[in-house]
Amino acid sequence: METSIEQNKPDERGLLQAVLGDGRPLLLFCGLSLVMAGGFALFLSASKHFLPHDVQYLGMTAEQLCGINNCRVVYFMFHDRVAFGGALIAIGALYMWLSEFPLRQRKAWAWWLFVVSGISGFGSFLAYLSYGYLDTWHGLATLLLLPCFVIGLIRSRSFLDPPRGIQSLSRSGVRLKWRSSFGVGRALLLATAAGMIMGGLIVMTFGMTRVFVPQDLTFMGLARTDLQNISARLIPLIAHDRAGFGGAIGTAGIIVLFCVWCGTPSRSLWQILCLAGVVGFAAALGVHPLVGYTDLFHLAPAIIGAVMFIVGLTLCWKQREKIAPAKTAER
């Protein structure tokens, strides 16, 4: 009888309250938006087009710039943008998994991972300004997503199970012997993520300072002064791309690191890591032979990272059924 009365009660929630829910819908929206933004970056690069504000800032189209030195400058720019797009898709997919699985289960580590990675991702926008180029579209997208991200975090905070402190990020999601197959695989995934963080910081730092490594200039067949003579705004535009790519790679590394460390072994965890890894590494590595940038020294870190990731994920996947029920860490 009481159940029937409860069912007949009108739902007194407001529209805004229903949409916001526990904050996860907003965080899911942020993840989906990043996936779409990454896909758009891949599409533009594949079609060899600059964004309108890039053309306005540079004073020339991609087709015009492509007429210089066999289009090597444009290819170099697109190789950065393809890698950036792949990293955005990986971050967005991981955000959607975090929202739908560990955060839905009220895990505090997932909430704190949103906070830490959000500071890294949104904060890296400031690195774009180091050479004086303000990407207005990127700035607008950031301004639109940031309130959704923050409100989503605020709404979801109260739903977390205790303890809710940031120390939750230090707790391993599984107890295991590191010499076991699963332990070795997990260590390889953690090492790959740490390498992504370090690599992202290096690329972002170069984007804010030197911009190019010697292999970059060799590929383009131009000296730095030649690029400046083409347009005084060309290097700032390239620096913006490099800083953005570095920030995205570092942020993706942070998310992967703590998903592997804090996450409870599950089919969905290994599936999302596989998806993010395939998209991220395929974009970062696959674009190089397409544009002809095949310097082995330049590609070596990404190749090593991809191999470690594949081996690590394979070892973890094979042992998932043995580890998940018996070795899950106590919370």
Protein backbone atom coordinates (compact mmCIF):
# COMPACT_ATOMS: atom_id res chain seq x y z
CA MET A 1 0.00 0.00 0.00
CA GLU A 2 2.76 2.40 0.96
CA THR A 3 4.62 1.53 -2.22
CA SER A 4 1.54 2.34 -4.28
CA ILE A 5 1.20 5.72 -2.55
CA GLU A 6 4.86 6.51 -3.21
CA GLN A 7 4.45 5.64 -6.88
CA ASN A 8 1.47 7.96 -7.22
CA LYS A 9 3.26 10.93 -5.70
CA PRO A 10 4.13 13.61 -8.25
CA ASP A 11 7.81 14.08 -9.06
CA GLU A 12 8.58 17.46 -7.50
CA ARG A 13 12.05 17.81 -8.96
CA GLY A 14 12.68 20.86 -11.09
CA LEU A 15 13.83 20.54 -14.69
CA LEU A 16 17.32 21.79 -13.88
CA GLN A 17 17.66 19.38 -10.98
CA ALA A 18 16.60 16.47 -13.16
CA VAL A 19 19.10 17.40 -15.90
CA LEU A 20 22.00 17.95 -13.52
CA GLY A 21 21.24 14.81 -11.50
CA ASP A 22 24.22 13.74 -9.43
CA GLY A 23 26.63 15.67 -11.66
CA ARG A 24 27.58 12.72 -13.81
CA PRO A 25 25.49 13.78 -16.83
CA LEU A 26 27.53 16.98 -17.05
CA LEU A 27 30.80 15.08 -16.79
CA LEU A 28 29.59 12.62 -19.43
CA PHE A 29 28.76 15.60 -21.64
CA CYS A 30 32.29 16.97 -21.17
CA GLY A 31 33.74 13.61 -22.17
CA LEU A 32 31.51 13.36 -25.24
CA SER A 33 32.40 16.94 -26.22
CA LEU A 34 36.11 16.10 -26.09
CA VAL A 35 35.55 13.02 -28.26
CA MET A 36 33.70 15.15 -30.82
CA ALA A 37 36.36 17.87 -30.71
CA GLY A 38 39.07 15.29 -31.29
CA GLY A 39 37.15 13.82 -34.19
CA PHE A 40 36.75 17.30 -35.68
CA ALA A 41 40.52 17.88 -35.41
CA LEU A 42 41.14 14.61 -37.27
CA PHE A 43 38.61 15.55 -39.95
CA LEU A 44 40.15 18.98 -40.55
CA SER A 45 43.63 17.51 -40.77
CA ALA A 46 42.51 14.79 -43.18
CA SER A 47 40.85 17.42 -45.40
CA LYS A 48 43.96 19.66 -45.19
CA HIS A 49 42.13 22.72 -43.93
CA PHE A 50 42.94 25.29 -41.29
CA LEU A 51 40.28 26.73 -39.02
CA PRO A 52 38.98 30.17 -40.13
CA HIS A 53 40.67 32.00 -37.27
CA ASP A 54 43.96 30.23 -38.09
CA VAL A 55 43.72 31.52 -41.66
CA GLN A 56 42.87 35.02 -40.43
CA TYR A 57 45.77 35.03 -37.98
CA LEU A 58 48.33 33.56 -40.39
CA GLY A 59 47.18 35.51 -43.43
CA MET A 60 47.22 32.46 -45.70
CA THR A 61 45.28 29.28 -46.24
CA ALA A 62 46.62 25.74 -45.92
CA GLU A 63 46.59 25.48 -49.72
CA GLN A 64 48.76 28.58 -50.04
CA LEU A 65 51.21 27.40 -47.37
CA CYS A 66 51.26 23.99 -49.04
CA GLY A 67 52.93 25.56 -52.06
CA ILE A 68 56.12 26.06 -50.04
CA ASN A 69 58.72 23.27 -50.00
CA ASN A 70 56.44 20.43 -51.11
CA CYS A 71 53.82 21.12 -48.44
CA ARG A 72 56.21 19.98 -45.67
CA VAL A 73 55.24 22.79 -43.28
CA VAL A 74 51.53 21.98 -43.59
CA TYR A 75 52.23 18.27 -43.15
CA PHE A 76 54.22 19.02 -40.02
CA MET A 77 51.38 21.10 -38.59
CA PHE A 78 48.79 18.45 -39.40
CA HIS A 79 50.91 15.71 -37.82
CA ASP A 80 50.70 17.61 -34.52
CA ARG A 81 47.00 18.23 -34.92
CA VAL A 82 46.19 14.59 -35.70
CA ALA A 83 48.08 13.47 -32.59
CA PHE A 84 46.24 16.14 -30.58
CA GLY A 85 42.89 14.92 -31.92
CA GLY A 86 43.68 11.33 -30.98
CA ALA A 87 44.65 12.40 -27.47
CA LEU A 88 41.40 14.36 -27.07
CA ILE A 89 39.34 11.34 -28.10
CA ALA A 90 41.23 9.17 -25.62
CA ILE A 91 40.67 11.67 -22.79
CA GLY A 92 36.98 12.04 -23.61
CA ALA A 93 36.44 8.27 -23.74
CA LEU A 94 38.21 7.79 -20.40
CA TYR A 95 36.11 10.58 -18.86
CA MET A 96 32.94 8.86 -20.00
CA TRP A 97 34.12 5.59 -18.47
CA LEU A 98 35.03 7.32 -15.20
CA SER A 99 31.57 8.87 -15.04
CA GLU A 100 29.63 5.73 -15.86
CA PHE A 101 31.58 3.20 -13.79
CA PRO A 102 33.74 4.22 -10.77
CA LEU A 103 32.02 7.57 -10.15
CA ARG A 104 28.62 5.90 -10.44
CA GLN A 105 29.89 3.49 -7.79
CA ARG A 106 30.70 6.55 -5.63
CA LYS A 107 34.47 6.01 -5.73
CA ALA A 108 36.31 9.04 -4.36
CA TRP A 109 39.43 8.36 -6.45
CA ALA A 110 37.45 8.82 -9.66
CA TRP A 111 36.21 12.23 -8.48
CA TRP A 112 39.72 13.33 -7.54
CA LEU A 113 41.05 12.09 -10.87
CA PHE A 114 38.58 14.40 -12.59
CA VAL A 115 39.91 17.25 -10.45
CA VAL A 116 43.61 16.55 -11.07
CA SER A 117 43.24 15.87 -14.80
CA GLY A 118 40.91 18.85 -15.18
CA ILE A 119 43.51 21.16 -13.68
CA SER A 120 46.08 19.71 -16.07
CA GLY A 121 43.85 19.83 -19.14
CA PHE A 122 42.19 23.20 -18.66
CA GLY A 123 45.38 24.67 -17.21
CA SER A 124 47.39 23.69 -20.28
CA PHE A 125 45.33 26.24 -22.21
CA LEU A 126 47.54 28.92 -20.65
CA ALA A 127 50.57 27.34 -22.33
CA TYR A 128 49.09 28.33 -25.71
CA LEU A 129 49.60 31.98 -24.85
CA SER A 130 53.38 31.69 -24.42
CA TYR A 131 53.95 32.73 -28.04
CA GLY A 132 51.15 35.27 -28.15
CA TYR A 133 48.53 33.36 -30.15
CA LEU A 134 45.05 33.12 -28.65
CA ASP A 135 43.01 30.37 -30.27
CA THR A 136 39.56 31.96 -30.01
CA TRP A 137 37.64 28.78 -30.86
CA HIS A 138 39.59 26.77 -28.32
CA GLY A 139 39.11 29.54 -25.79
CA LEU A 140 35.36 29.62 -26.38
CA ALA A 141 35.09 25.84 -26.10
CA THR A 142 37.04 25.97 -22.84
CA LEU A 143 34.76 28.67 -21.44
CA LEU A 144 31.69 26.60 -22.34
CA LEU A 145 32.99 23.30 -20.97
CA LEU A 146 34.60 24.59 -17.80
CA PRO A 147 31.31 25.53 -16.04
CA CYS A 148 29.83 22.11 -16.96
CA PHE A 149 32.92 20.40 -15.60
CA VAL A 150 32.97 22.39 -12.36
CA ILE A 151 29.23 22.06 -11.70
CA GLY A 152 29.44 18.34 -12.43
CA LEU A 153 32.20 18.00 -9.84
CA ILE A 154 30.31 20.05 -7.26
CA ARG A 155 27.11 18.03 -7.75
CA SER A 156 28.85 14.65 -7.60
CA ARG A 157 31.01 15.45 -4.58
CA SER A 158 28.25 14.90 -2.02
CA PHE A 159 27.43 11.44 -3.41
CA LEU A 160 30.87 9.94 -2.77
CA ASP A 161 31.41 7.16 -0.28
CA PRO A 162 33.83 7.99 2.55
CA PRO A 163 36.72 8.50 2.88
CA ARG A 164 36.52 11.32 0.35
CA GLY A 165 40.05 12.75 0.61
CA ILE A 166 42.60 13.02 -2.17
CA GLN A 167 44.56 10.23 -0.48
CA SER A 168 42.16 7.88 -2.26
CA LEU A 169 44.40 8.31 -5.31
CA SER A 170 47.25 6.66 -3.43
CA ARG A 171 45.33 3.43 -2.77
CA SER A 172 45.87 0.58 -5.18
CA GLY A 173 42.73 -0.99 -6.58
CA VAL A 174 44.13 -4.50 -6.31
CA ARG A 175 46.56 -6.48 -4.19
CA LEU A 176 48.93 -8.64 -6.19
CA LYS A 177 52.43 -9.93 -6.59
CA TRP A 178 54.36 -7.69 -8.96
CA ARG A 179 56.22 -10.71 -10.35
CA SER A 180 52.98 -12.34 -11.49
CA SER A 181 51.84 -12.00 -15.10
CA PHE A 182 49.17 -9.54 -14.04
CA GLY A 183 51.69 -7.60 -11.95
CA VAL A 184 54.11 -7.30 -14.85
CA GLY A 185 51.32 -6.21 -17.19
CA ARG A 186 50.07 -3.64 -14.73
CA ALA A 187 53.60 -2.32 -14.20
CA LEU A 188 54.01 -1.91 -17.97
CA LEU A 189 50.75 0.06 -18.18
CA LEU A 190 51.81 2.28 -15.29
CA ALA A 191 55.22 2.85 -16.88
CA THR A 192 53.57 3.74 -20.19
CA ALA A 193 51.32 6.26 -18.46
CA ALA A 194 54.29 7.78 -16.62
CA GLY A 195 56.11 8.06 -19.95
CA MET A 196 53.10 9.84 -21.46
CA ILE A 197 53.11 12.36 -18.62
CA MET A 198 56.83 13.01 -19.01
CA GLY A 199 56.58 13.17 -22.79
CA GLY A 200 53.62 15.55 -22.61
CA LEU A 201 55.53 17.88 -20.29
CA ILE A 202 58.54 17.86 -22.61
CA VAL A 203 56.46 18.59 -25.71
CA MET A 204 54.50 21.34 -23.93
CA THR A 205 57.72 22.90 -22.64
CA PHE A 206 59.20 22.86 -26.14
CA GLY A 207 55.99 24.41 -27.44
CA MET A 208 56.39 27.25 -24.95
CA THR A 209 60.10 27.76 -25.61
CA ARG A 210 62.13 26.28 -28.48
CA VAL A 211 59.12 24.87 -30.38
CA PHE A 212 61.20 22.59 -32.63
CA VAL A 213 63.65 19.74 -32.20
CA PRO A 214 66.33 19.31 -34.92
CA GLN A 215 64.40 16.45 -36.55
CA ASP A 216 61.40 18.75 -37.07
CA LEU A 217 63.41 21.30 -39.06
CA THR A 218 65.11 18.51 -41.02
CA PHE A 219 61.72 17.11 -42.02
CA MET A 220 60.43 20.51 -43.14
CA GLY A 221 63.72 21.24 -44.94
CA LEU A 222 63.67 24.78 -43.57
CA ALA A 223 65.56 26.72 -40.95
CA ARG A 224 63.81 28.67 -38.22
CA THR A 225 64.60 31.93 -40.04
CA ASP A 226 62.97 30.54 -43.19
CA LEU A 227 59.76 29.91 -41.26
CA GLN A 228 59.86 33.44 -39.87
CA ASN A 229 60.33 34.82 -43.38
CA ILE A 230 57.24 32.95 -44.59
CA SER A 231 55.20 34.68 -41.89
CA ALA A 232 56.09 36.20 -38.54
CA ARG A 233 53.01 34.45 -37.16
CA LEU A 234 53.79 30.95 -38.42
CA ILE A 235 55.99 29.86 -35.49
CA PRO A 236 53.51 31.14 -32.85
CA LEU A 237 50.76 29.13 -34.58
CA ILE A 238 52.92 25.99 -34.62
CA ALA A 239 53.91 26.61 -30.99
CA HIS A 240 50.23 26.73 -30.08
CA ASP A 241 49.71 23.31 -31.69
CA ARG A 242 52.72 21.83 -29.92
CA ALA A 243 51.74 23.15 -26.50
CA GLY A 244 48.18 21.88 -26.94
CA PHE A 245 49.35 18.45 -28.03
CA GLY A 246 51.78 18.21 -25.11
CA GLY A 247 49.11 19.20 -22.61
CA ALA A 248 46.68 16.62 -24.00
CA ILE A 249 49.25 13.79 -23.93
CA GLY A 250 50.23 14.64 -20.35
CA THR A 251 46.60 14.77 -19.24
CA ALA A 252 45.83 11.45 -20.92
CA GLY A 253 48.82 9.95 -19.13
CA ILE A 254 47.53 11.16 -15.76
CA ILE A 255 44.12 9.59 -16.36
CA VAL A 256 45.55 6.27 -17.55
CA LEU A 257 47.99 6.13 -14.61
CA PHE A 258 45.33 6.44 -11.92
CA CYS A 259 42.73 4.33 -13.75
CA VAL A 260 45.24 1.48 -13.79
CA TRP A 261 46.45 2.13 -10.23
CA CYS A 262 43.15 2.81 -8.48
CA GLY A 263 40.70 0.95 -10.68
CA THR A 264 39.34 -2.45 -9.78
CA PRO A 265 40.18 -4.95 -12.55
CA SER A 266 37.12 -5.32 -14.76
CA ARG A 267 36.16 -5.95 -18.36
CA SER A 268 35.08 -2.35 -18.85
CA LEU A 269 38.41 -1.02 -17.52
CA TRP A 270 40.49 -3.07 -19.94
CA GLN A 271 38.11 -2.28 -22.79
CA ILE A 272 38.31 1.49 -22.29
CA LEU A 273 42.08 1.35 -21.90
CA CYS A 274 42.26 -0.62 -25.13
CA LEU A 275 40.04 1.88 -26.94
CA ALA A 276 41.95 4.91 -25.63
CA GLY A 277 45.30 3.29 -26.40
CA VAL A 278 44.35 2.24 -29.92
CA VAL A 279 43.01 5.69 -30.82
CA GLY A 280 45.81 7.62 -29.14
CA PHE A 281 48.76 5.57 -30.42
CA ALA A 282 47.22 5.01 -33.86
CA ALA A 283 46.83 8.77 -34.32
CA ALA A 284 50.26 9.64 -32.92
CA LEU A 285 52.14 6.94 -34.85
CA GLY A 286 49.95 6.43 -37.91
CA VAL A 287 50.13 10.03 -39.09
CA HIS A 288 53.93 9.97 -39.42
CA PRO A 289 54.24 7.61 -42.41
CA LEU A 290 51.26 9.36 -44.01
CA VAL A 291 53.12 12.69 -44.04
CA GLY A 292 56.56 11.17 -44.56
CA TYR A 293 57.98 12.05 -41.14
CA THR A 294 59.63 8.71 -40.41
CA ASP A 295 62.69 9.67 -38.39
CA LEU A 296 63.23 6.67 -36.09
CA PHE A 297 64.77 8.71 -33.27
CA HIS A 298 61.70 10.94 -33.27
CA LEU A 299 59.30 7.98 -33.31
CA ALA A 300 61.16 5.73 -30.86
CA PRO A 301 59.47 6.93 -27.61
CA ALA A 302 55.98 6.48 -29.06
CA ILE A 303 56.83 3.07 -30.53
CA ILE A 304 58.28 1.86 -27.23
CA GLY A 305 55.24 3.21 -25.38
CA ALA A 306 52.84 1.47 -27.78
CA VAL A 307 54.64 -1.87 -27.43
CA MET A 308 54.69 -1.62 -23.64
CA PHE A 309 51.01 -0.71 -23.62
CA ILE A 310 50.00 -3.62 -25.86
CA VAL A 311 52.04 -6.17 -23.88
CA GLY A 312 50.79 -4.79 -20.55
CA LEU A 313 47.16 -4.79 -21.59
CA THR A 314 47.43 -8.29 -23.03
CA LEU A 315 48.92 -9.68 -19.80
CA CYS A 316 46.26 -7.98 -17.68
CA TRP A 317 43.42 -9.12 -19.92
CA LYS A 318 44.52 -12.75 -19.83
CA GLN A 319 44.65 -12.75 -16.03
CA ARG A 320 41.54 -10.62 -15.38
CA GLU A 321 39.29 -13.47 -14.21
CA LYS A 322 41.89 -14.75 -11.75
CA ILE A 323 42.67 -11.36 -10.24
CA ALA A 324 39.34 -9.52 -10.00
CA PRO A 325 37.43 -11.77 -7.55
CA ALA A 326 40.33 -12.80 -5.33
CA LYS A 327 42.70 -9.88 -5.19
CA THR A 328 40.54 -6.78 -5.06
CA ALA A 329 41.91 -4.38 -2.47
CA GLU A 330 39.85 -3.60 0.59
CA ARG A 331 38.39 -0.14 0.65
